[in-house]
Protein backbone atom coordinates (compact mmCIF):
# COMPACT_ATOMS: atom_id res chain seq x y z
CA MET A 1 -100.06 134.75 -45.63
CA LEU A 2 -97.90 132.81 -48.34
CA PHE A 3 -100.01 129.53 -47.72
CA GLU A 4 -103.19 131.39 -47.91
CA ALA A 5 -101.95 132.72 -51.16
CA LEU A 6 -101.02 129.20 -52.42
CA GLY A 7 -104.03 127.33 -51.08
CA SER A 8 -106.38 129.94 -53.01
CA ALA A 9 -104.50 129.77 -56.34
CA LEU A 10 -104.69 125.56 -55.82
CA LEU A 11 -108.41 125.97 -55.01
CA GLY A 12 -108.95 128.11 -58.16
CA LEU A 13 -106.79 125.51 -60.35
CA VAL A 14 -109.01 122.74 -58.90
CA LEU A 15 -112.15 124.52 -59.75
CA ALA A 16 -110.98 125.37 -63.12
CA ALA A 17 -109.95 121.88 -63.93
CA THR A 18 -113.14 120.40 -62.72
CA ALA A 19 -115.16 122.83 -64.83
CA ILE A 20 -112.92 121.79 -67.64
CA HIS A 21 -113.64 118.23 -66.90
CA ARG A 22 -117.18 118.69 -66.81
CA LEU A 23 -118.13 121.47 -69.07
CA SER A 24 -115.41 121.24 -71.79
CA HIS A 25 -118.14 121.74 -74.62
CA ARG A 26 -119.22 125.10 -73.19
CA LEU A 27 -116.00 126.83 -72.35
CA PRO A 28 -113.31 128.64 -74.30
CA THR A 29 -109.69 127.39 -74.54
CA ARG A 30 -108.25 125.45 -71.65
CA SER A 31 -105.38 127.95 -71.06
CA LEU A 32 -107.84 130.65 -70.46
CA VAL A 33 -110.02 128.72 -68.05
CA LEU A 34 -107.08 127.66 -65.91
CA ALA A 35 -105.76 131.12 -65.65
CA THR A 36 -109.21 132.66 -64.82
CA GLY A 37 -109.65 130.05 -62.28
CA VAL A 38 -106.28 130.78 -60.45
CA ALA A 39 -106.60 134.59 -60.94
CA GLY A 40 -110.21 134.56 -59.45
CA GLY A 41 -108.90 132.48 -56.55
CA LEU A 42 -106.15 134.80 -55.72
CA PHE A 43 -108.25 137.98 -56.24
CA GLY A 44 -111.19 136.31 -54.11
CA ALA A 45 -108.50 135.83 -51.23
CA PHE A 46 -107.02 139.18 -51.38
CA VAL A 47 -110.52 141.03 -51.23
CA THR A 48 -111.83 138.59 -48.37
CA HIS A 49 -108.59 139.05 -46.39
CA SER A 50 -108.58 142.86 -46.84
CA ALA A 51 -112.30 143.24 -46.04
CA LEU A 52 -112.39 141.08 -43.05
CA ASP A 53 -108.91 141.11 -41.77
CA THR A 54 -109.29 137.98 -39.79
CA GLY A 55 -106.41 135.90 -38.19
CA GLY A 56 -107.92 132.74 -39.78
CA ALA A 57 -107.19 131.34 -43.29
CA VAL A 58 -110.60 129.66 -43.81
CA LEU A 59 -112.61 132.75 -44.72
CA PRO A 60 -110.23 134.09 -47.28
CA LEU A 61 -110.38 130.31 -48.81
CA VAL A 62 -114.04 130.50 -48.98
CA GLY A 63 -113.90 133.84 -50.55
CA ALA A 64 -111.11 132.52 -53.03
CA VAL A 65 -113.84 129.64 -53.73
CA ILE A 66 -116.77 131.90 -54.53
CA VAL A 67 -114.92 134.50 -56.67
CA SER A 68 -113.24 131.92 -58.75
CA ALA A 69 -116.57 129.98 -59.41
CA ALA A 70 -118.19 133.33 -60.31
CA SER A 71 -115.22 134.45 -62.56
CA LEU A 72 -115.36 130.91 -64.26
CA SER A 73 -119.18 131.08 -64.62
CA LEU A 74 -118.63 134.27 -66.93
CA LEU A 75 -116.67 132.34 -69.43
CA LEU A 76 -119.88 129.86 -70.04
CA ARG A 77 -121.30 130.07 -73.15
CA PRO A 78 -124.87 128.75 -74.05
CA ALA A 79 -125.49 124.89 -74.48
CA GLY A 80 -127.42 125.24 -77.80
CA ARG A 81 -128.19 127.75 -80.47
CA LEU A 82 -129.94 131.04 -79.13
CA ARG A 83 -133.36 131.05 -80.70
CA ARG A 84 -135.03 134.08 -82.00
CA SER A 85 -138.53 134.66 -81.14
CA ALA A 86 -140.95 135.44 -84.09
CA THR A 87 -142.08 138.61 -82.47
CA ALA A 88 -138.74 140.36 -82.03
């Protein structure tokens, strides 16, 4: 269980660092992105482990990656300015 938590936190941290490296212009501050990645990884592992309750460590890690990626995607800002249509 401890290695599952450490692994999921590490996966969330790696995902957040990758997002910072590739999308730094569309993300808020670095500390918020790193914290969100780790928290999403831990929460995803917890939910997956609670829901499936399997003996293996692979499925909670997959759940950690999915929830961490989803939570990081919520931090993304639009690439350009939002355009207002003339009819609105």
